[in-house]
C-alpha atoms as a PDB file:
ATOM      1  CA  UNK A   1      -5.628  18.865  14.208  1.00  0.00           C
ATOM      2  CA  UNK A   2      -4.819  16.094  16.651  1.00  0.00           C
ATOM      3  CA  UNK A   3      -6.057  16.566  20.198  1.00  0.00           C
ATOM      4  CA  UNK A   4      -5.231  14.646  23.324  1.00  0.00           C
ATOM      5  CA  UNK A   5      -7.763  13.224  25.745  1.00  0.00           C
ATOM      6  CA  UNK A   6      -7.422  15.823  28.508  1.00  0.00           C
ATOM      7  CA  UNK A   7      -5.416  19.044  28.537  1.00  0.00           C
ATOM      8  CA  UNK A   8      -5.980  21.177  31.646  1.00  0.00           C
ATOM      9  CA  UNK A   9      -3.127  23.529  30.734  1.00  0.00           C
ATOM     10  CA  UNK A  10      -4.185  24.747  27.297  1.00  0.00           C
ATOM     11  CA  UNK A  11      -7.821  23.538  27.399  1.00  0.00           C
ATOM     12  CA  UNK A  12      -7.498  21.823  24.018  1.00  0.00           C
ATOM     13  CA  UNK A  13      -8.248  18.259  25.089  1.00  0.00           C
ATOM     14  CA  UNK A  14     -11.331  16.237  24.211  1.00  0.00           C
ATOM     15  CA  UNK A  15     -12.680  16.597  27.746  1.00  0.00           C
ATOM     16  CA  UNK A  16     -12.134  20.357  27.781  1.00  0.00           C
ATOM     17  CA  UNK A  17     -13.859  20.787  24.422  1.00  0.00           C
ATOM     18  CA  UNK A  18     -16.805  18.729  25.695  1.00  0.00           C
ATOM     19  CA  UNK A  19     -16.980  21.062  28.714  1.00  0.00           C
ATOM     20  CA  UNK A  20     -17.163  23.965  26.289  1.00  0.00           C
ATOM     21  CA  UNK A  21     -19.819  22.384  24.061  1.00  0.00           C
ATOM     22  CA  UNK A  22     -22.006  21.454  27.029  1.00  0.00           C
ATOM     23  CA  UNK A  23     -21.758  24.866  28.693  1.00  0.00           C
ATOM     24  CA  UNK A  24     -19.772  23.656  31.689  1.00  0.00           C
ATOM     25  CA  UNK A  25     -17.198  25.706  33.513  1.00  0.00           C
ATOM     26  CA  UNK A  26     -13.573  24.670  33.120  1.00  0.00           C
ATOM     27  CA  UNK A  27     -12.697  21.586  35.175  1.00  0.00           C
ATOM     28  CA  UNK A  28     -16.384  20.761  35.783  1.00  0.00           C
ATOM     29  CA  UNK A  29     -15.672  17.393  34.166  1.00  0.00           C
ATOM     30  CA  UNK A  30     -11.910  17.031  34.464  1.00  0.00           C
ATOM     31  CA  UNK A  31     -12.008  18.048  38.132  1.00  0.00           C
ATOM     32  CA  UNK A  32     -14.860  15.710  39.083  1.00  0.00           C
ATOM     33  CA  UNK A  33     -13.814  12.054  39.067  1.00  0.00           C
ATOM     34  CA  UNK A  34     -17.371  10.720  38.738  1.00  0.00           C
ATOM     35  CA  UNK A  35     -18.264  13.012  35.838  1.00  0.00           C
ATOM     36  CA  UNK A  36     -14.928  12.272  34.205  1.00  0.00           C
ATOM     37  CA  UNK A  37     -15.655   8.538  34.302  1.00  0.00           C
ATOM     38  CA  UNK A  38     -19.130   9.113  32.853  1.00  0.00           C
ATOM     39  CA  UNK A  39     -17.836  11.216  29.948  1.00  0.00           C
ATOM     40  CA  UNK A  40     -14.932   8.846  29.353  1.00  0.00           C
ATOM     41  CA  UNK A  41     -17.519   6.117  28.820  1.00  0.00           C
ATOM     42  CA  UNK A  42     -19.349   8.382  26.351  1.00  0.00           C
ATOM     43  CA  UNK A  43     -16.124   9.105  24.471  1.00  0.00           C
ATOM     44  CA  UNK A  44     -15.467   5.363  24.201  1.00  0.00           C
ATOM     45  CA  UNK A  45     -19.000   4.816  22.876  1.00  0.00           C
ATOM     46  CA  UNK A  46     -18.260   7.507  20.279  1.00  0.00           C
ATOM     47  CA  UNK A  47     -15.124   5.542  19.366  1.00  0.00           C
ATOM     48  CA  UNK A  48     -17.376   2.516  18.781  1.00  0.00           C
ATOM     49  CA  UNK A  49     -19.619   4.587  16.508  1.00  0.00           C
ATOM     50  CA  UNK A  50     -16.608   5.881  14.580  1.00  0.00           C
ATOM     51  CA  UNK A  51     -15.193   2.358  14.226  1.00  0.00           C
ATOM     52  CA  UNK A  52     -18.495   1.090  12.827  1.00  0.00           C
ATOM     53  CA  UNK A  53     -18.649   3.935  10.284  1.00  0.00           C
ATOM     54  CA  UNK A  54     -15.030   3.446   9.202  1.00  0.00           C
ATOM     55  CA  UNK A  55     -15.280  -0.330   8.851  1.00  0.00           C
ATOM     56  CA  UNK A  56     -18.508  -0.144   6.841  1.00  0.00           C
ATOM     57  CA  UNK A  57     -17.054   2.447   4.468  1.00  0.00           C
ATOM     58  CA  UNK A  58     -13.571   0.935   4.101  1.00  0.00           C
ATOM     59  CA  UNK A  59     -12.557  -0.625   0.805  1.00  0.00           C
ATOM     60  CA  UNK A  60      -9.463  -2.769   0.376  1.00  0.00           C
ATOM     61  CA  UNK A  61      -7.509  -0.500   2.753  1.00  0.00           C
ATOM     62  CA  UNK A  62      -9.105  -1.769   5.948  1.00  0.00           C
ATOM     63  CA  UNK A  63      -9.547   0.535   8.923  1.00  0.00           C
ATOM     64  CA  UNK A  64      -7.747  -0.136  12.190  1.00  0.00           C
ATOM     65  CA  UNK A  65      -7.137   2.032  15.239  1.00  0.00           C
ATOM     66  CA  UNK A  66      -3.540   3.273  14.987  1.00  0.00           C
ATOM     67  CA  UNK A  67      -3.056   3.040  18.754  1.00  0.00           C
ATOM     68  CA  UNK A  68      -3.010  -0.742  18.546  1.00  0.00           C
ATOM     69  CA  UNK A  69       0.545  -1.965  18.930  1.00  0.00           C
ATOM     70  CA  UNK A  70       0.205  -4.829  16.446  1.00  0.00           C
ATOM     71  CA  UNK A  71      -1.499  -5.267  13.091  1.00  0.00           C
ATOM     72  CA  UNK A  72      -4.958  -6.905  12.894  1.00  0.00           C
ATOM     73  CA  UNK A  73      -3.504 -10.313  12.092  1.00  0.00           C
ATOM     74  CA  UNK A  74      -3.575 -13.048  14.711  1.00  0.00           C
ATOM     75  CA  UNK A  75      -2.082 -16.529  14.860  1.00  0.00           C
ATOM     76  CA  UNK A  76      -2.709 -19.562  17.005  1.00  0.00           C
ATOM     77  CA  UNK A  77      -1.532 -23.148  17.075  1.00  0.00           C
ATOM     78  CA  UNK A  78      -3.205 -25.829  14.984  1.00  0.00           C
ATOM     79  CA  UNK A  79      -3.918 -28.886  17.128  1.00  0.00           C
ATOM     80  CA  UNK A  80      -4.122 -32.426  15.793  1.00  0.00           C
ATOM     81  CA  UNK A  81      -7.755 -33.563  16.014  1.00  0.00           C
ATOM     82  CA  UNK A  82      -9.197 -30.158  16.994  1.00  0.00           C
ATOM     83  CA  UNK A  83     -11.852 -28.746  14.679  1.00  0.00           C
ATOM     84  CA  UNK A  84     -12.960 -25.554  16.480  1.00  0.00           C
ATOM     85  CA  UNK A  85     -10.890 -22.541  17.541  1.00  0.00           C
ATOM     86  CA  UNK A  86     -12.494 -19.794  19.627  1.00  0.00           C
ATOM     87  CA  UNK A  87     -11.622 -16.167  18.901  1.00  0.00           C
ATOM     88  CA  UNK A  88     -13.056 -13.559  21.263  1.00  0.00           C
ATOM     89  CA  UNK A  89     -10.057 -11.252  21.593  1.00  0.00           C
ATOM     90  CA  UNK A  90      -6.794 -10.736  19.764  1.00  0.00           C
ATOM     91  CA  UNK A  91      -3.345 -11.278  21.263  1.00  0.00           C
ATOM     92  CA  UNK A  92      -3.514  -7.893  23.051  1.00  0.00           C
ATOM     93  CA  UNK A  93      -6.991  -8.444  24.491  1.00  0.00           C
ATOM     94  CA  UNK A  94      -8.927  -6.337  21.957  1.00  0.00           C
ATOM     95  CA  UNK A  95     -12.339  -7.769  21.135  1.00  0.00           C
ATOM     96  CA  UNK A  96     -12.608  -9.192  17.609  1.00  0.00           C
ATOM     97  CA  UNK A  97     -15.458  -7.870  15.479  1.00  0.00           C
ATOM     98  CA  UNK A  98     -15.063  -9.836  12.253  1.00  0.00           C
ATOM     99  CA  UNK A  99     -12.894 -12.328  10.413  1.00  0.00           C
ATOM    100  CA  UNK A 100     -11.769 -11.516   6.857  1.00  0.00           C
ATOM    101  CA  UNK A 101      -9.470 -14.324   5.706  1.00  0.00           C
ATOM    102  CA  UNK A 102      -8.063 -17.531   7.145  1.00  0.00           C
ATOM    103  CA  UNK A 103      -4.789 -19.314   6.320  1.00  0.00           C
ATOM    104  CA  UNK A 104      -3.161 -22.523   7.584  1.00  0.00           C
ATOM    105  CA  UNK A 105       0.189 -24.234   7.494  1.00  0.00           C
ATOM    106  CA  UNK A 106      -0.166 -27.560   5.735  1.00  0.00           C
ATOM    107  CA  UNK A 107       2.058 -29.688   7.960  1.00  0.00           C
ATOM    108  CA  UNK A 108       3.904 -29.736  11.272  1.00  0.00           C
ATOM    109  CA  UNK A 109       7.101 -28.573   9.579  1.00  0.00           C
ATOM    110  CA  UNK A 110       5.381 -26.342   7.015  1.00  0.00           C
ATOM    111  CA  UNK A 111       6.497 -22.740   6.540  1.00  0.00           C
ATOM    112  CA  UNK A 112       4.118 -21.608   3.792  1.00  0.00           C
ATOM    113  CA  UNK A 113       0.551 -20.587   4.562  1.00  0.00           C
ATOM    114  CA  UNK A 114      -2.301 -21.508   2.223  1.00  0.00           C
ATOM    115  CA  UNK A 115      -5.757 -19.994   2.263  1.00  0.00           C
ATOM    116  CA  UNK A 116      -8.813 -21.884   3.481  1.00  0.00           C
ATOM    117  CA  UNK A 117     -12.192 -20.734   2.236  1.00  0.00           C
ATOM    118  CA  UNK A 118     -15.371 -19.695   4.049  1.00  0.00           C
ATOM    119  CA  UNK A 119     -18.454 -21.847   3.903  1.00  0.00           C
ATOM    120  CA  UNK A 120     -21.646 -21.817   5.953  1.00  0.00           C
ATOM    121  CA  UNK A 121     -22.199 -25.310   7.300  1.00  0.00           C
ATOM    122  CA  UNK A 122     -25.820 -24.498   8.198  1.00  0.00           C
ATOM    123  CA  UNK A 123     -27.016 -23.126   4.869  1.00  0.00           C
ATOM    124  CA  UNK A 124     -24.584 -24.116   2.109  1.00  0.00           C
ATOM    125  CA  UNK A 125     -25.894 -26.774  -0.304  1.00  0.00           C
ATOM    126  CA  UNK A 126     -24.879 -30.365   0.309  1.00  0.00           C
ATOM    127  CA  UNK A 127     -21.721 -31.516  -1.405  1.00  0.00           C
ATOM    128  CA  UNK A 128     -19.308 -29.284   0.476  1.00  0.00           C
ATOM    129  CA  UNK A 129     -20.455 -29.244   4.090  1.00  0.00           C
ATOM    130  CA  UNK A 130     -20.843 -32.922   4.988  1.00  0.00           C
ATOM    131  CA  UNK A 131     -17.507 -32.989   6.758  1.00  0.00           C
ATOM    132  CA  UNK A 132     -18.830 -30.569   9.377  1.00  0.00           C
ATOM    133  CA  UNK A 133     -21.833 -32.664  10.382  1.00  0.00           C
ATOM    134  CA  UNK A 134     -21.606 -36.254   9.084  1.00  0.00           C
ATOM    135  CA  UNK A 135     -19.927 -37.500  12.249  1.00  0.00           C
ATOM    136  CA  UNK A 136     -16.961 -39.041  10.397  1.00  0.00           C
ATOM    137  CA  UNK A 137     -14.532 -36.405  11.730  1.00  0.00           C
ATOM    138  CA  UNK A 138     -12.297 -36.768   8.705  1.00  0.00           C
ATOM    139  CA  UNK A 139      -8.778 -35.472   9.286  1.00  0.00           C
ATOM    140  CA  UNK A 140      -6.307 -33.936   6.870  1.00  0.00           C
ATOM    141  CA  UNK A 141      -5.253 -30.473   5.707  1.00  0.00           C
ATOM    142  CA  UNK A 142      -8.134 -28.014   6.219  1.00  0.00           C
ATOM    143  CA  UNK A 143      -9.495 -26.271   3.130  1.00  0.00           C
ATOM    144  CA  UNK A 144     -12.846 -24.918   4.451  1.00  0.00           C
ATOM    145  CA  UNK A 145     -13.804 -22.931   7.525  1.00  0.00           C
ATOM    146  CA  UNK A 146     -17.177 -22.099   9.041  1.00  0.00           C
ATOM    147  CA  UNK A 147     -17.786 -19.139  11.375  1.00  0.00           C
ATOM    148  CA  UNK A 148     -20.190 -19.934  14.196  1.00  0.00           C
ATOM    149  CA  UNK A 149     -20.627 -17.678  17.253  1.00  0.00           C
ATOM    150  CA  UNK A 150     -17.100 -16.676  18.290  1.00  0.00           C
ATOM    151  CA  UNK A 151     -15.413 -19.707  16.777  1.00  0.00           C
ATOM    152  CA  UNK A 152     -13.918 -20.972  13.544  1.00  0.00           C
ATOM    153  CA  UNK A 153     -14.590 -24.607  12.565  1.00  0.00           C
ATOM    154  CA  UNK A 154     -12.163 -26.257  10.148  1.00  0.00           C
ATOM    155  CA  UNK A 155     -12.793 -29.035   7.665  1.00  0.00           C
ATOM    156  CA  UNK A 156     -11.128 -31.438   7.357  1.00  0.00           C
ATOM    157  CA  UNK A 157     -10.009 -31.507  10.965  1.00  0.00           C
ATOM    158  CA  UNK A 158      -6.231 -30.925  11.202  1.00  0.00           C
ATOM    159  CA  UNK A 159      -4.310 -34.195  11.274  1.00  0.00           C
ATOM    160  CA  UNK A 160      -1.162 -32.568  12.640  1.00  0.00           C
ATOM    161  CA  UNK A 161       0.112 -30.016  15.131  1.00  0.00           C
ATOM    162  CA  UNK A 162       1.546 -26.747  13.824  1.00  0.00           C
ATOM    163  CA  UNK A 163       2.882 -23.893  15.917  1.00  0.00           C
ATOM    164  CA  UNK A 164       1.132 -20.688  14.800  1.00  0.00           C
ATOM    165  CA  UNK A 165      -0.426 -22.853  12.111  1.00  0.00           C
ATOM    166  CA  UNK A 166      -3.612 -20.792  11.906  1.00  0.00           C
ATOM    167  CA  UNK A 167      -3.411 -17.170  10.693  1.00  0.00           C
ATOM    168  CA  UNK A 168      -6.452 -14.888  10.620  1.00  0.00           C
ATOM    169  CA  UNK A 169      -7.057 -11.346   9.348  1.00  0.00           C
ATOM    170  CA  UNK A 170      -9.579  -9.522  11.529  1.00  0.00           C
ATOM    171  CA  UNK A 171     -11.421  -6.328  12.407  1.00  0.00           C
ATOM    172  CA  UNK A 172     -11.350  -5.351  16.061  1.00  0.00           C
ATOM    173  CA  UNK A 173     -12.530  -2.765  18.552  1.00  0.00           C
ATOM    174  CA  UNK A 174     -10.825   0.557  19.129  1.00  0.00           C
ATOM    175  CA  UNK A 175      -8.131   1.350  21.659  1.00  0.00           C
ATOM    176  CA  UNK A 176     -10.232   2.886  24.421  1.00  0.00           C
ATOM    177  CA  UNK A 177      -9.531   5.687  26.884  1.00  0.00           C
ATOM    178  CA  UNK A 178      -9.247   5.367  30.655  1.00  0.00           C
ATOM    179  CA  UNK A 179     -10.503   8.247  32.782  1.00  0.00           C
ATOM    180  CA  UNK A 180      -6.922   8.695  34.004  1.00  0.00           C
ATOM    181  CA  UNK A 181      -5.601   9.310  30.480  1.00  0.00           C
ATOM    182  CA  UNK A 182      -4.313  12.751  29.619  1.00  0.00           C
ATOM    183  CA  UNK A 183      -1.840  12.827  26.719  1.00  0.00           C
ATOM    184  CA  UNK A 184      -3.249   9.819  24.842  1.00  0.00           C
ATOM    185  CA  UNK A 185      -4.389  10.812  21.341  1.00  0.00           C
ATOM    186  CA  UNK A 186      -7.212   8.954  19.524  1.00  0.00           C
ATOM    187  CA  UNK A 187      -5.995   6.391  16.994  1.00  0.00           C
ATOM    188  CA  UNK A 188      -8.109   7.907  14.222  1.00  0.00           C
ATOM    189  CA  UNK A 189      -7.238  10.660  11.712  1.00  0.00           C
ATOM    190  CA  UNK A 190      -6.843  14.036  13.398  1.00  0.00           C
ATOM    191  CA  UNK A 191      -9.364  15.623  11.042  1.00  0.00           C
ATOM    192  CA  UNK A 192     -12.051  13.540  12.775  1.00  0.00           C
ATOM    193  CA  UNK A 193     -11.037  13.954  16.411  1.00  0.00           C
ATOM    194  CA  UNK A 194     -13.851  16.489  16.766  1.00  0.00           C
ATOM    195  CA  UNK A 195     -16.305  13.593  16.397  1.00  0.00           C
ATOM    196  CA  UNK A 196     -15.229  12.363  19.848  1.00  0.00           C
ATOM    197  CA  UNK A 197     -16.207  15.784  21.209  1.00  0.00           C
ATOM    198  CA  UNK A 198     -19.499  16.281  19.399  1.00  0.00           C
ATOM    199  CA  UNK A 199     -20.967  12.809  19.969  1.00  0.00           C
ATOM    200  CA  UNK A 200     -20.610  12.794  23.798  1.00  0.00           C
ATOM    201  CA  UNK A 201     -21.742  16.443  23.924  1.00  0.00           C
ATOM    202  CA  UNK A 202     -24.819  15.547  21.864  1.00  0.00           C
ATOM    203  CA  UNK A 203     -25.625  12.572  24.118  1.00  0.00           C
ATOM    204  CA  UNK A 204     -25.422  14.839  27.179  1.00  0.00           C
ATOM    205  CA  UNK A 205     -27.529  17.550  25.525  1.00  0.00           C
ATOM    206  CA  UNK A 206     -30.145  15.020  24.423  1.00  0.00           C
ATOM    207  CA  UNK A 207     -30.422  13.480  27.862  1.00  0.00           C
ATOM    208  CA  UNK A 208     -30.832  16.895  29.464  1.00  0.00           C
ATOM    209  CA  UNK A 209     -33.037  18.558  26.800  1.00  0.00           C
ATOM    210  CA  UNK A 210     -30.520  21.323  26.133  1.00  0.00           C
ATOM    211  CA  UNK A 211     -31.242  23.898  23.409  1.00  0.00           C
ATOM    212  CA  UNK A 212     -28.070  22.992  21.461  1.00  0.00           C
ATOM    213  CA  UNK A 213     -29.207  19.389  20.859  1.00  0.00           C
ATOM    214  CA  UNK A 214     -30.368  19.962  17.274  1.00  0.00           C
ATOM    215  CA  UNK A 215     -27.247  21.915  16.330  1.00  0.00           C
ATOM    216  CA  UNK A 216     -25.013  19.154  17.630  1.00  0.00           C
ATOM    217  CA  UNK A 217     -27.033  16.508  15.808  1.00  0.00           C
ATOM    218  CA  UNK A 218     -26.701  18.435  12.540  1.00  0.00           C
ATOM    219  CA  UNK A 219     -22.934  18.778  12.968  1.00  0.00           C
ATOM    220  CA  UNK A 220     -22.583  15.077  13.732  1.00  0.00           C
ATOM    221  CA  UNK A 221     -24.589  14.164  10.633  1.00  0.00           C
ATOM    222  CA  UNK A 222     -22.275  16.237   8.418  1.00  0.00           C
ATOM    223  CA  UNK A 223     -19.166  14.808  10.067  1.00  0.00           C
ATOM    224  CA  UNK A 224     -20.381  11.211   9.742  1.00  0.00           C
ATOM    225  CA  UNK A 225     -20.954  11.792   6.040  1.00  0.00           C
ATOM    226  CA  UNK A 226     -17.374  13.062   5.749  1.00  0.00           C
ATOM    227  CA  UNK A 227     -16.078  10.013   7.611  1.00  0.00           C
ATOM    228  CA  UNK A 228     -17.842   7.665   5.199  1.00  0.00           C
ATOM    229  CA  UNK A 229     -16.569   9.581   2.175  1.00  0.00           C
ATOM    230  CA  UNK A 230     -13.007   9.616   3.509  1.00  0.00           C
ATOM    231  CA  UNK A 231     -12.814   5.871   4.111  1.00  0.00           C
ATOM    232  CA  UNK A 232     -14.734   5.092   0.942  1.00  0.00           C
ATOM    233  CA  UNK A 233     -12.129   6.923  -1.164  1.00  0.00           C
ATOM    234  CA  UNK A 234      -8.965   6.199   0.807  1.00  0.00           C
ATOM    235  CA  UNK A 235      -7.584   3.549  -1.580  1.00  0.00           C
ATOM    236  CA  UNK A 236      -6.442   6.066  -4.209  1.00  0.00           C
ATOM    237  CA  UNK A 237      -3.587   3.835  -5.353  1.00  0.00           C
ATOM    238  CA  UNK A 238      -6.102   1.387  -6.837  1.00  0.00           C
ATOM    239  CA  UNK A 239      -7.191   2.047 -10.393  1.00  0.00           C
ATOM    240  CA  UNK A 240     -10.922   1.641 -10.868  1.00  0.00           C
ATOM    241  CA  UNK A 241     -11.893   0.550 -14.376  1.00  0.00           C
ATOM    242  CA  UNK A 242     -15.359   1.070 -15.798  1.00  0.00           C
ATOM    243  CA  UNK A 243     -16.787  -1.883 -17.689  1.00  0.00           C
ATOM    244  CA  UNK A 244     -19.882  -1.818 -19.881  1.00  0.00           C
ATOM    245  CA  UNK A 245     -22.986  -3.674 -18.777  1.00  0.00           C
ATOM    246  CA  UNK A 246     -24.398  -6.166 -21.267  1.00  0.00           C
ATOM    247  CA  UNK A 247     -28.047  -5.595 -22.193  1.00  0.00           C
ATOM    248  CA  UNK A 248     -30.009  -8.490 -23.627  1.00  0.00           C
ATOM    249  CA  UNK A 249     -32.639  -7.462 -26.159  1.00  0.00           C
ATOM    250  CA  UNK A 250     -35.689  -9.554 -26.817  1.00  0.00           C
END
């Protein structure tokens, strides 16, 4: 069942269910602006925990918060002579967590993207990484990229400008709640909306040594296991084939 962030009419919102789990009276959180801000922060931290679980368990069908208005694919311009491109947030301001694949246009007038491949300039054996550190600053069409801090470093350095010439597939943070939200629904499957109730309730119970702390922790553990199983098995359209393992006998 999908639930909205706050529902003071039917008491079915995330905030109202947290009030119930924590033993508050109705509107003790929703009617107190300071408490509402505190619990909103806890709900957003629970969203972070859910995102981490979903991303770790996801197969080829990558997780993304459905409240994001665009897909987790970003583009930026390639600049002649520029090796590094910083990526902290996507085009909507969501913080980027990871980079999956990188593609470039091969010329100023190019329309077809080609993939460039990851390489670690600091640890990869010599023979592939010299262009990153030999000081020659060789230009051409990039075919390697190195991830360092919040940037991507290309090699060779682009020898041309290309509008939206760099395309990147990413993971990113969730779409968070504001304390003023009411009808906004979490961008995760409805069967797991209860996680955003239990996790903040547990954090409150733990901080205040409430007797329901252990019960909440047990429920969260079971739900987190279900989350991992769900995302681990979501790609049902992919056929998994068993292959025998070769055993070498002496």
